[in-house]
Amino acid sequence: DSVKGRFTIARDKAKNTVYLQMNSLKPEDTGVYYCAAAFRVVRITPPR
């Protein structure tokens, strides 16, 4: 809930790259951010 409305995720298939756009950053957003890929789980929505 803390990032809704401020962060968005997007993907460029041609570049095989995923992005996380982070706006209106707050000190509580500080941390290590990890990217991950899921191949085994195939659903309409991504795993959480």
All heavy atoms as atom14 arrays in JSON, in Angstrom:
{
  "sequence": "DSVKGRFTIARDKAKNTVYLQMNSLKPEDTGVYYCAAAFRVVRITPPR",
  "atom14_mask": [
    [1, 1, 1, 1, 1, 1, 1, 1, 0, 0, 0, 0, 0, 0],
    [1, 1, 1, 1, 1, 1, 0, 0, 0, 0, 0, 0, 0, 0],
    [1, 1, 1, 1, 1, 1, 1, 0, 0, 0, 0, 0, 0, 0],
    [1, 1, 1, 1, 1, 1, 1, 1, 1, 0, 0, 0, 0, 0],
    [1, 1, 1, 1, 0, 0, 0, 0, 0, 0, 0, 0, 0, 0],
    [1, 1, 1, 1, 1, 1, 1, 1, 1, 1, 1, 0, 0, 0],
    [1, 1, 1, 1, 1, 1, 1, 1, 1, 1, 1, 0, 0, 0],
    [1, 1, 1, 1, 1, 1, 1, 0, 0, 0, 0, 0, 0, 0],
    [1, 1, 1, 1, 1, 1, 1, 1, 0, 0, 0, 0, 0, 0],
    [1, 1, 1, 1, 1, 0, 0, 0, 0, 0, 0, 0, 0, 0],
    [1, 1, 1, 1, 1, 1, 1, 1, 1, 1, 1, 0, 0, 0],
    [1, 1, 1, 1, 1, 1, 1, 1, 0, 0, 0, 0, 0, 0],
    [1, 1, 1, 1, 1, 1, 1, 1, 1, 0, 0, 0, 0, 0],
    [1, 1, 1, 1, 1, 0, 0, 0, 0, 0, 0, 0, 0, 0],
    [1, 1, 1, 1, 1, 1, 1, 1, 1, 0, 0, 0, 0, 0],
    [1, 1, 1, 1, 1, 1, 1, 1, 0, 0, 0, 0, 0, 0],
    [1, 1, 1, 1, 1, 1, 1, 0, 0, 0, 0, 0, 0, 0],
    [1, 1, 1, 1, 1, 1, 1, 0, 0, 0, 0, 0, 0, 0],
    [1, 1, 1, 1, 1, 1, 1, 1, 1, 1, 1, 1, 0, 0],
    [1, 1, 1, 1, 1, 1, 1, 1, 0, 0, 0, 0, 0, 0],
    [1, 1, 1, 1, 1, 1, 1, 1, 1, 0, 0, 0, 0, 0],
    [1, 1, 1, 1, 1, 1, 1, 1, 0, 0, 0, 0, 0, 0],
    [1, 1, 1, 1, 1, 1, 1, 1, 0, 0, 0, 0, 0, 0],
    [1, 1, 1, 1, 1, 1, 0, 0, 0, 0, 0, 0, 0, 0],
    [1, 1, 1, 1, 1, 1, 1, 1, 0, 0, 0, 0, 0, 0],
    [1, 1, 1, 1, 1, 1, 1, 1, 1, 0, 0, 0, 0, 0],
    [1, 1, 1, 1, 1, 1, 1, 0, 0, 0, 0, 0, 0, 0],
    [1, 1, 1, 1, 1, 1, 1, 1, 1, 0, 0, 0, 0, 0],
    [1, 1, 1, 1, 1, 1, 1, 1, 0, 0, 0, 0, 0, 0],
    [1, 1, 1, 1, 1, 1, 1, 0, 0, 0, 0, 0, 0, 0],
    [1, 1, 1, 1, 0, 0, 0, 0, 0, 0, 0, 0, 0, 0],
    [1, 1, 1, 1, 1, 1, 1, 0, 0, 0, 0, 0, 0, 0],
    [1, 1, 1, 1, 1, 1, 1, 1, 1, 1, 1, 1, 0, 0],
    [1, 1, 1, 1, 1, 1, 1, 1, 1, 1, 1, 1, 0, 0],
    [1, 1, 1, 1, 1, 1, 0, 0, 0, 0, 0, 0, 0, 0],
    [1, 1, 1, 1, 1, 0, 0, 0, 0, 0, 0, 0, 0, 0],
    [1, 1, 1, 1, 1, 0, 0, 0, 0, 0, 0, 0, 0, 0],
    [1, 1, 1, 1, 1, 0, 0, 0, 0, 0, 0, 0, 0, 0],
    [1, 1, 1, 1, 1, 1, 1, 1, 1, 1, 1, 0, 0, 0],
    [1, 1, 1, 1, 1, 1, 1, 1, 1, 1, 1, 0, 0, 0],
    [1, 1, 1, 1, 1, 1, 1, 0, 0, 0, 0, 0, 0, 0],
    [1, 1, 1, 1, 1, 1, 1, 0, 0, 0, 0, 0, 0, 0],
    [1, 1, 1, 1, 1, 1, 1, 1, 1, 1, 1, 0, 0, 0],
    [1, 1, 1, 1, 1, 1, 1, 1, 0, 0, 0, 0, 0, 0],
    [1, 1, 1, 1, 1, 1, 1, 0, 0, 0, 0, 0, 0, 0],
    [1, 1, 1, 1, 1, 1, 1, 0, 0, 0, 0, 0, 0, 0],
    [1, 1, 1, 1, 1, 1, 1, 0, 0, 0, 0, 0, 0, 0],
    [1, 1, 1, 1, 1, 1, 1, 1, 1, 1, 1, 0, 0, 0]
  ],
  "atom14_positions": [
    [[0.82, -1.22, 0.0], [0.0, 0.0, 0.0], [0.84, 1.26, 0.0], [0.44, 2.3, -0.5], [-0.93, 0.0, 1.22], [-2.03, -1.03, 1.11], [-2.31, -1.46, -0.03], [-2.61, -1.39, 2.14], [0.0, 0.0, 0.0], [0.0, 0.0, 0.0], [0.0, 0.0, 0.0], [0.0, 0.0, 0.0], [0.0, 0.0, 0.0], [0.0, 0.0, 0.0]],
    [[2.04, 1.13, 0.52], [2.88, 2.31, 0.65], [3.41, 2.84, -0.67], [3.86, 3.97, -0.76], [4.06, 2.01, 1.58], [4.82, 0.95, 1.06], [0.0, 0.0, 0.0], [0.0, 0.0, 0.0], [0.0, 0.0, 0.0], [0.0, 0.0, 0.0], [0.0, 0.0, 0.0], [0.0, 0.0, 0.0], [0.0, 0.0, 0.0], [0.0, 0.0, 0.0]],
    [[3.36, 2.02, -1.74], [3.92, 2.47, -3.02], [2.88, 2.66, -4.09], [3.18, 3.15, -5.18], [5.02, 1.51, -3.53], [6.08, 1.29, -2.47], [4.43, 0.19, -4.0], [0.0, 0.0, 0.0], [0.0, 0.0, 0.0], [0.0, 0.0, 0.0], [0.0, 0.0, 0.0], [0.0, 0.0, 0.0], [0.0, 0.0, 0.0], [0.0, 0.0, 0.0]],
    [[1.66, 2.27, -3.81], [0.62, 2.43, -4.82], [0.46, 3.9, -5.2], [0.46, 4.77, -4.35], [-0.7, 1.86, -4.3], [-0.74, 0.35, -4.31], [-2.07, -0.19, -3.81], [-2.1, -1.71, -3.88], [-3.35, -2.27, -3.34], [0.0, 0.0, 0.0], [0.0, 0.0, 0.0], [0.0, 0.0, 0.0], [0.0, 0.0, 0.0], [0.0, 0.0, 0.0]],
    [[0.33, 4.11, -6.48], [0.2, 5.46, -6.99], [1.52, 6.16, -7.21], [1.57, 7.23, -7.82], [0.0, 0.0, 0.0], [0.0, 0.0, 0.0], [0.0, 0.0, 0.0], [0.0, 0.0, 0.0], [0.0, 0.0, 0.0], [0.0, 0.0, 0.0], [0.0, 0.0, 0.0], [0.0, 0.0, 0.0], [0.0, 0.0, 0.0], [0.0, 0.0, 0.0]],
    [[2.6, 5.56, -6.74], [3.92, 6.18, -6.91], [4.85, 5.31, -7.77], [5.71, 5.84, -8.46], [4.57, 6.42, -5.55], [3.77, 7.32, -4.63], [4.57, 7.67, -3.36], [4.83, 6.5, -2.54], [6.04, 6.07, -2.21], [7.12, 6.72, -2.64], [6.18, 5.0, -1.42], [0.0, 0.0, 0.0], [0.0, 0.0, 0.0], [0.0, 0.0, 0.0]],
    [[4.7, 4.01, -7.72], [5.56, 3.09, -8.46], [4.77, 2.43, -9.59], [3.59, 2.1, -9.41], [6.09, 1.99, -7.55], [7.08, 2.42, -6.51], [7.32, 3.75, -6.22], [7.79, 1.46, -5.8], [8.23, 4.14, -5.25], [8.71, 1.84, -4.83], [8.92, 3.17, -4.55], [0.0, 0.0, 0.0], [0.0, 0.0, 0.0], [0.0, 0.0, 0.0]],
    [[5.43, 2.25, -10.7], [4.84, 1.49, -11.79], [5.87, 0.53, -12.37], [7.08, 0.82, -12.35], [4.32, 2.4, -12.91], [5.4, 3.24, -13.37], [3.17, 3.27, -12.45], [0.0, 0.0, 0.0], [0.0, 0.0, 0.0], [0.0, 0.0, 0.0], [0.0, 0.0, 0.0], [0.0, 0.0, 0.0], [0.0, 0.0, 0.0], [0.0, 0.0, 0.0]],
    [[5.39, -0.58, -12.89], [6.26, -1.57, -13.5], [5.93, -1.66, -14.98], [4.77, -1.54, -15.38], [6.11, -2.94, -12.8], [7.13, -3.94, -13.34], [4.69, -3.46, -12.91], [7.19, -5.25, -12.55], [0.0, 0.0, 0.0], [0.0, 0.0, 0.0], [0.0, 0.0, 0.0], [0.0, 0.0, 0.0], [0.0, 0.0, 0.0], [0.0, 0.0, 0.0]],
    [[6.96, -1.85, -15.77], [6.77, -1.97, -17.21], [7.82, -2.92, -17.77], [8.83, -3.18, -17.12], [6.88, -0.6, -17.87], [0.0, 0.0, 0.0], [0.0, 0.0, 0.0], [0.0, 0.0, 0.0], [0.0, 0.0, 0.0], [0.0, 0.0, 0.0], [0.0, 0.0, 0.0], [0.0, 0.0, 0.0], [0.0, 0.0, 0.0], [0.0, 0.0, 0.0]],
    [[7.54, -3.4, -18.97], [8.46, -4.35, -19.59], [8.67, -3.99, -21.05], [7.74, -3.62, -21.75], [7.89, -5.77, -19.47], [8.76, -6.85, -20.07], [8.14, -8.21, -19.82], [6.84, -8.29, -20.43], [5.91, -9.19, -20.08], [6.16, -10.04, -19.12], [4.75, -9.22, -20.7], [0.0, 0.0, 0.0], [0.0, 0.0, 0.0], [0.0, 0.0, 0.0]],
    [[9.9, -4.11, -21.48], [10.26, -3.95, -22.89], [10.71, -5.31, -23.39], [11.83, -5.74, -23.11], [11.36, -2.9, -23.04], [11.66, -2.57, -24.5], [11.52, -3.47, -25.35], [12.06, -1.43, -24.76], [0.0, 0.0, 0.0], [0.0, 0.0, 0.0], [0.0, 0.0, 0.0], [0.0, 0.0, 0.0], [0.0, 0.0, 0.0], [0.0, 0.0, 0.0]],
    [[9.83, -5.99, -24.12], [10.15, -7.33, -24.57], [11.34, -7.33, -25.53], [12.17, -8.24, -25.49], [8.93, -7.96, -25.25], [7.81, -8.33, -24.29], [6.7, -9.05, -25.02], [5.59, -9.49, -24.08], [4.51, -10.23, -24.77], [0.0, 0.0, 0.0], [0.0, 0.0, 0.0], [0.0, 0.0, 0.0], [0.0, 0.0, 0.0], [0.0, 0.0, 0.0]],
    [[11.41, -6.34, -26.37], [12.5, -6.29, -27.35], [13.85, -6.19, -26.67], [14.85, -6.74, -27.16], [12.3, -5.11, -28.29], [0.0, 0.0, 0.0], [0.0, 0.0, 0.0], [0.0, 0.0, 0.0], [0.0, 0.0, 0.0], [0.0, 0.0, 0.0], [0.0, 0.0, 0.0], [0.0, 0.0, 0.0], [0.0, 0.0, 0.0], [0.0, 0.0, 0.0]],
    [[13.89, -5.52, -25.53], [15.15, -5.35, -24.8], [15.31, -6.39, -23.7], [16.33, -6.39, -23.0], [15.23, -3.95, -24.21], [15.3, -2.84, -25.25], [15.45, -1.48, -24.6], [15.58, -0.38, -25.64], [15.73, 0.96, -25.03], [0.0, 0.0, 0.0], [0.0, 0.0, 0.0], [0.0, 0.0, 0.0], [0.0, 0.0, 0.0], [0.0, 0.0, 0.0]],
    [[14.29, -7.23, -23.52], [14.33, -8.23, -22.45], [14.62, -7.58, -21.1], [15.44, -8.06, -20.31], [15.38, -9.3, -22.76], [14.9, -10.7, -22.41], [13.7, -10.97, -22.36], [15.84, -11.6, -22.17], [0.0, 0.0, 0.0], [0.0, 0.0, 0.0], [0.0, 0.0, 0.0], [0.0, 0.0, 0.0], [0.0, 0.0, 0.0], [0.0, 0.0, 0.0]],
    [[13.93, -6.5, -20.87], [14.19, -5.68, -19.69], [12.88, -5.3, -19.01], [11.88, -5.03, -19.69], [14.97, -4.41, -20.08], [16.22, -4.78, -20.66], [15.24, -3.53, -18.86], [0.0, 0.0, 0.0], [0.0, 0.0, 0.0], [0.0, 0.0, 0.0], [0.0, 0.0, 0.0], [0.0, 0.0, 0.0], [0.0, 0.0, 0.0], [0.0, 0.0, 0.0]],
    [[12.92, -5.29, -17.7], [11.79, -4.86, -16.9], [12.2, -3.62, -16.11], [13.34, -3.53, -15.65], [11.33, -5.97, -15.94], [10.22, -5.49, -15.02], [10.85, -7.18, -16.73], [0.0, 0.0, 0.0], [0.0, 0.0, 0.0], [0.0, 0.0, 0.0], [0.0, 0.0, 0.0], [0.0, 0.0, 0.0], [0.0, 0.0, 0.0], [0.0, 0.0, 0.0]],
    [[11.28, -2.71, -15.95], [11.58, -1.45, -15.28], [10.67, -1.25, -14.07], [9.54, -1.72, -14.04], [11.37, -0.28, -16.24], [12.17, -0.37, -17.51], [11.61, -0.91, -18.67], [13.49, 0.07, -17.56], [12.34, -1.0, -19.84], [14.23, -0.02, -18.73], [13.66, -0.55, -19.87], [14.39, -0.65, -21.02], [0.0, 0.0, 0.0], [0.0, 0.0, 0.0]],
    [[11.17, -0.52, -13.11], [10.37, -0.07, -11.99], [10.56, 1.44, -11.89], [11.65, 1.91, -11.54], [10.79, -0.74, -10.68], [9.94, -0.37, -9.46], [8.52, -0.92, -9.61], [10.57, -0.89, -8.17], [0.0, 0.0, 0.0], [0.0, 0.0, 0.0], [0.0, 0.0, 0.0], [0.0, 0.0, 0.0], [0.0, 0.0, 0.0], [0.0, 0.0, 0.0]],
    [[9.52, 2.16, -12.25], [9.56, 3.61, -12.15], [9.08, 4.0, -10.76], [7.97, 3.64, -10.36], [8.67, 4.25, -13.21], [8.62, 5.76, -13.16], [9.95, 6.41, -13.51], [10.61, 6.01, -14.46], [10.34, 7.42, -12.73], [0.0, 0.0, 0.0], [0.0, 0.0, 0.0], [0.0, 0.0, 0.0], [0.0, 0.0, 0.0], [0.0, 0.0, 0.0]],
    [[9.9, 4.75, -10.06], [9.59, 5.13, -8.69], [9.55, 6.65, -8.6], [10.57, 7.32, -8.84], [10.64, 4.57, -7.73], [10.82, 3.06, -7.85], [11.93, 2.37, -6.6], [13.47, 3.14, -7.05], [0.0, 0.0, 0.0], [0.0, 0.0, 0.0], [0.0, 0.0, 0.0], [0.0, 0.0, 0.0], [0.0, 0.0, 0.0], [0.0, 0.0, 0.0]],
    [[8.4, 7.17, -8.28], [8.21, 8.62, -8.16], [7.86, 8.99, -6.73], [7.45, 8.14, -5.94], [7.11, 9.09, -9.11], [7.42, 8.83, -10.56], [8.57, 8.89, -11.0], [6.39, 8.51, -11.34], [0.0, 0.0, 0.0], [0.0, 0.0, 0.0], [0.0, 0.0, 0.0], [0.0, 0.0, 0.0], [0.0, 0.0, 0.0], [0.0, 0.0, 0.0]],
    [[8.01, 10.26, -6.43], [7.67, 10.78, -5.1], [8.28, 9.92, -4.0], [7.6, 9.5, -3.06], [6.14, 10.85, -4.94], [5.57, 11.67, -5.93], [0.0, 0.0, 0.0], [0.0, 0.0, 0.0], [0.0, 0.0, 0.0], [0.0, 0.0, 0.0], [0.0, 0.0, 0.0], [0.0, 0.0, 0.0], [0.0, 0.0, 0.0], [0.0, 0.0, 0.0]],
    [[9.54, 9.65, -4.15], [10.22, 8.75, -3.22], [10.24, 9.32, -1.8], [10.33, 10.53, -1.59], [11.63, 8.48, -3.7], [11.7, 7.47, -4.85], [13.03, 7.57, -5.58], [11.46, 6.05, -4.35], [0.0, 0.0, 0.0], [0.0, 0.0, 0.0], [0.0, 0.0, 0.0], [0.0, 0.0, 0.0], [0.0, 0.0, 0.0], [0.0, 0.0, 0.0]],
    [[10.16, 8.39, -0.87], [10.16, 8.73, 0.56], [11.32, 8.01, 1.25], [11.78, 6.97, 0.76], [8.84, 8.29, 1.2], [7.6, 8.86, 0.54], [6.35, 8.28, 1.18], [5.09, 8.81, 0.52], [3.87, 8.22, 1.13], [0.0, 0.0, 0.0], [0.0, 0.0, 0.0], [0.0, 0.0, 0.0], [0.0, 0.0, 0.0], [0.0, 0.0, 0.0]],
    [[11.77, 8.52, 2.37], [12.86, 7.85, 3.09], [12.54, 6.39, 3.41], [13.45, 5.54, 3.4], [13.0, 8.68, 4.37], [12.57, 10.04, 3.95], [11.45, 9.82, 2.97], [0.0, 0.0, 0.0], [0.0, 0.0, 0.0], [0.0, 0.0, 0.0], [0.0, 0.0, 0.0], [0.0, 0.0, 0.0], [0.0, 0.0, 0.0], [0.0, 0.0, 0.0]],
    [[11.29, 6.07, 3.63], [10.93, 4.69, 3.93], [11.0, 3.77, 2.73], [10.82, 2.56, 2.85], [9.52, 4.62, 4.56], [8.45, 5.37, 3.8], [8.21, 6.77, 4.34], [9.2, 7.47, 4.66], [7.02, 7.15, 4.44], [0.0, 0.0, 0.0], [0.0, 0.0, 0.0], [0.0, 0.0, 0.0], [0.0, 0.0, 0.0], [0.0, 0.0, 0.0]],
    [[11.25, 4.31, 1.55], [11.47, 3.48, 0.36], [12.91, 2.98, 0.3], [13.26, 2.19, -0.58], [11.17, 4.27, -0.91], [9.71, 4.65, -1.04], [8.85, 3.81, -0.71], [9.42, 5.78, -1.47], [0.0, 0.0, 0.0], [0.0, 0.0, 0.0], [0.0, 0.0, 0.0], [0.0, 0.0, 0.0], [0.0, 0.0, 0.0], [0.0, 0.0, 0.0]],
    [[13.73, 3.42, 1.2], [15.13, 2.99, 1.22], [15.24, 1.49, 1.42], [14.54, 0.91, 2.24], [15.88, 3.73, 2.34], [15.93, 5.13, 2.03], [17.29, 3.2, 2.5], [0.0, 0.0, 0.0], [0.0, 0.0, 0.0], [0.0, 0.0, 0.0], [0.0, 0.0, 0.0], [0.0, 0.0, 0.0], [0.0, 0.0, 0.0], [0.0, 0.0, 0.0]],
    [[16.13, 0.9, 0.64], [16.36, -0.53, 0.78], [17.07, -1.08, -0.44], [17.41, -0.33, -1.36], [0.0, 0.0, 0.0], [0.0, 0.0, 0.0], [0.0, 0.0, 0.0], [0.0, 0.0, 0.0], [0.0, 0.0, 0.0], [0.0, 0.0, 0.0], [0.0, 0.0, 0.0], [0.0, 0.0, 0.0], [0.0, 0.0, 0.0], [0.0, 0.0, 0.0]],
    [[17.26, -2.37, -0.42], [17.82, -3.05, -1.59], [16.66, -3.59, -2.41], [15.78, -4.27, -1.89], [18.76, -4.2, -1.18], [19.31, -4.9, -2.43], [19.9, -3.67, -0.33], [0.0, 0.0, 0.0], [0.0, 0.0, 0.0], [0.0, 0.0, 0.0], [0.0, 0.0, 0.0], [0.0, 0.0, 0.0], [0.0, 0.0, 0.0], [0.0, 0.0, 0.0]],
    [[16.69, -3.27, -3.67], [15.62, -3.68, -4.58], [16.12, -4.82, -5.45], [17.19, -4.74, -6.06], [15.18, -2.51, -5.44], [14.31, -1.53, -4.68], [14.84, -0.73, -3.66], [12.95, -1.42, -4.94], [14.04, 0.15, -2.94], [12.13, -0.54, -4.24], [12.69, 0.23, -3.24], [11.89, 1.1, -2.53], [0.0, 0.0, 0.0], [0.0, 0.0, 0.0]],
    [[15.31, -5.87, -5.5], [15.66, -7.07, -6.24], [14.67, -7.32, -7.37], [13.46, -7.18, -7.19], [15.65, -8.3, -5.33], [16.65, -8.25, -4.21], [16.3, -7.74, -2.96], [17.95, -8.74, -4.38], [17.22, -7.72, -1.92], [18.87, -8.72, -3.35], [18.49, -8.2, -2.13], [19.4, -8.16, -1.09], [0.0, 0.0, 0.0], [0.0, 0.0, 0.0]],
    [[15.22, -7.73, -8.47], [14.41, -8.17, -9.6], [14.37, -9.69, -9.59], [15.35, -10.34, -9.2], [15.04, -7.66, -10.89], [14.34, -8.3, -12.4], [0.0, 0.0, 0.0], [0.0, 0.0, 0.0], [0.0, 0.0, 0.0], [0.0, 0.0, 0.0], [0.0, 0.0, 0.0], [0.0, 0.0, 0.0], [0.0, 0.0, 0.0], [0.0, 0.0, 0.0]],
    [[13.24, -10.25, -10.0], [13.11, -11.7, -10.02], [12.29, -12.13, -11.23], [11.46, -11.36, -11.73], [12.45, -12.18, -8.73], [0.0, 0.0, 0.0], [0.0, 0.0, 0.0], [0.0, 0.0, 0.0], [0.0, 0.0, 0.0], [0.0, 0.0, 0.0], [0.0, 0.0, 0.0], [0.0, 0.0, 0.0], [0.0, 0.0, 0.0], [0.0, 0.0, 0.0]],
    [[12.5, -13.35, -11.65], [11.77, -13.91, -12.79], [11.17, -15.26, -12.4], [11.83, -16.07, -11.75], [12.7, -14.09, -13.99], [0.0, 0.0, 0.0], [0.0, 0.0, 0.0], [0.0, 0.0, 0.0], [0.0, 0.0, 0.0], [0.0, 0.0, 0.0], [0.0, 0.0, 0.0], [0.0, 0.0, 0.0], [0.0, 0.0, 0.0], [0.0, 0.0, 0.0]],
    [[9.94, -15.46, -12.84], [9.23, -16.71, -12.54], [8.85, -17.39, -13.83], [8.1, -16.82, -14.64], [7.99, -16.42, -11.7], [0.0, 0.0, 0.0], [0.0, 0.0, 0.0], [0.0, 0.0, 0.0], [0.0, 0.0, 0.0], [0.0, 0.0, 0.0], [0.0, 0.0, 0.0], [0.0, 0.0, 0.0], [0.0, 0.0, 0.0], [0.0, 0.0, 0.0]],
    [[9.36, -18.61, -14.02], [9.04, -19.39, -15.22], [8.09, -20.55, -14.9], [7.34, -20.97, -15.77], [10.32, -19.94, -15.84], [11.17, -18.89, -16.49], [12.13, -18.21, -15.78], [11.01, -18.59, -17.83], [12.91, -17.22, -16.37], [11.78, -17.61, -18.45], [12.74, -16.93, -17.71], [0.0, 0.0, 0.0], [0.0, 0.0, 0.0], [0.0, 0.0, 0.0]],
    [[8.13, -21.05, -13.69], [7.33, -22.23, -13.38], [5.86, -21.88, -13.2], [4.97, -22.66, -13.55], [7.84, -22.89, -12.09], [9.23, -23.49, -12.19], [9.67, -23.98, -10.83], [9.94, -22.88, -9.92], [9.26, -22.68, -8.78], [8.28, -23.5, -8.45], [9.58, -21.67, -7.99], [0.0, 0.0, 0.0], [0.0, 0.0, 0.0], [0.0, 0.0, 0.0]],
    [[5.6, -20.73, -12.62], [4.23, -20.33, -12.31], [3.66, -19.56, -13.5], [4.2, -18.52, -13.88], [4.17, -19.46, -11.05], [2.76, -18.96, -10.81], [4.69, -20.24, -9.85], [0.0, 0.0, 0.0], [0.0, 0.0, 0.0], [0.0, 0.0, 0.0], [0.0, 0.0, 0.0], [0.0, 0.0, 0.0], [0.0, 0.0, 0.0], [0.0, 0.0, 0.0]],
    [[2.6, -20.08, -14.07], [1.98, -19.42, -15.22], [0.54, -19.09, -14.86], [-0.33, -19.96, -14.84], [2.02, -20.32, -16.48], [1.37, -19.6, -17.66], [3.46, -20.7, -16.79], [0.0, 0.0, 0.0], [0.0, 0.0, 0.0], [0.0, 0.0, 0.0], [0.0, 0.0, 0.0], [0.0, 0.0, 0.0], [0.0, 0.0, 0.0], [0.0, 0.0, 0.0]],
    [[0.31, -17.84, -14.56], [-1.02, -17.35, -14.22], [-1.24, -16.02, -14.91], [-0.31, -15.42, -15.43], [-1.16, -17.17, -12.7], [-1.17, -18.43, -11.88], [-1.67, -18.15, -10.47], [-0.76, -17.29, -9.75], [0.15, -17.74, -8.91], [0.3, -19.04, -8.72], [0.94, -16.91, -8.27], [0.0, 0.0, 0.0], [0.0, 0.0, 0.0], [0.0, 0.0, 0.0]],
    [[-2.48, -15.6, -14.87], [-2.8, -14.3, -15.48], [-2.08, -13.18, -14.74], [-1.59, -12.22, -15.34], [-4.32, -14.08, -15.49], [-4.99, -15.1, -16.41], [-4.64, -12.65, -15.94], [-6.49, -15.03, -16.4], [0.0, 0.0, 0.0], [0.0, 0.0, 0.0], [0.0, 0.0, 0.0], [0.0, 0.0, 0.0], [0.0, 0.0, 0.0], [0.0, 0.0, 0.0]],
    [[-2.03, -13.3, -13.42], [-1.37, -12.28, -12.63], [-0.01, -12.78, -12.16], [0.2, -13.98, -11.99], [-2.22, -11.9, -11.41], [-2.5, -13.09, -10.67], [-3.53, -11.25, -11.85], [0.0, 0.0, 0.0], [0.0, 0.0, 0.0], [0.0, 0.0, 0.0], [0.0, 0.0, 0.0], [0.0, 0.0, 0.0], [0.0, 0.0, 0.0], [0.0, 0.0, 0.0]],
    [[0.93, -11.89, -11.93], [2.26, -12.32, -11.51], [2.26, -12.79, -10.06], [1.41, -12.38, -9.26], [3.1, -11.05, -11.66], [2.13, -9.94, -11.49], [0.85, -10.42, -12.09], [0.0, 0.0, 0.0], [0.0, 0.0, 0.0], [0.0, 0.0, 0.0], [0.0, 0.0, 0.0], [0.0, 0.0, 0.0], [0.0, 0.0, 0.0], [0.0, 0.0, 0.0]],
    [[3.2, -13.64, -9.69], [3.29, -14.09, -8.3], [3.62, -12.92, -7.37], [4.3, -11.96, -7.76], [4.45, -15.09, -8.33], [4.58, -15.49, -9.75], [4.18, -14.3, -10.54], [0.0, 0.0, 0.0], [0.0, 0.0, 0.0], [0.0, 0.0, 0.0], [0.0, 0.0, 0.0], [0.0, 0.0, 0.0], [0.0, 0.0, 0.0], [0.0, 0.0, 0.0]],
    [[3.15, -13.04, -6.14], [3.42, -12.02, -5.14], [4.37, -12.51, -4.06], [4.82, -11.73, -3.22], [2.13, -11.57, -4.46], [1.1, -10.93, -5.37], [-0.22, -10.77, -4.64], [-1.24, -10.17, -5.5], [-1.67, -8.92, -5.38], [-1.18, -8.14, -4.46], [-2.6, -8.46, -6.19], [0.0, 0.0, 0.0], [0.0, 0.0, 0.0], [0.0, 0.0, 0.0]]
  ]
}
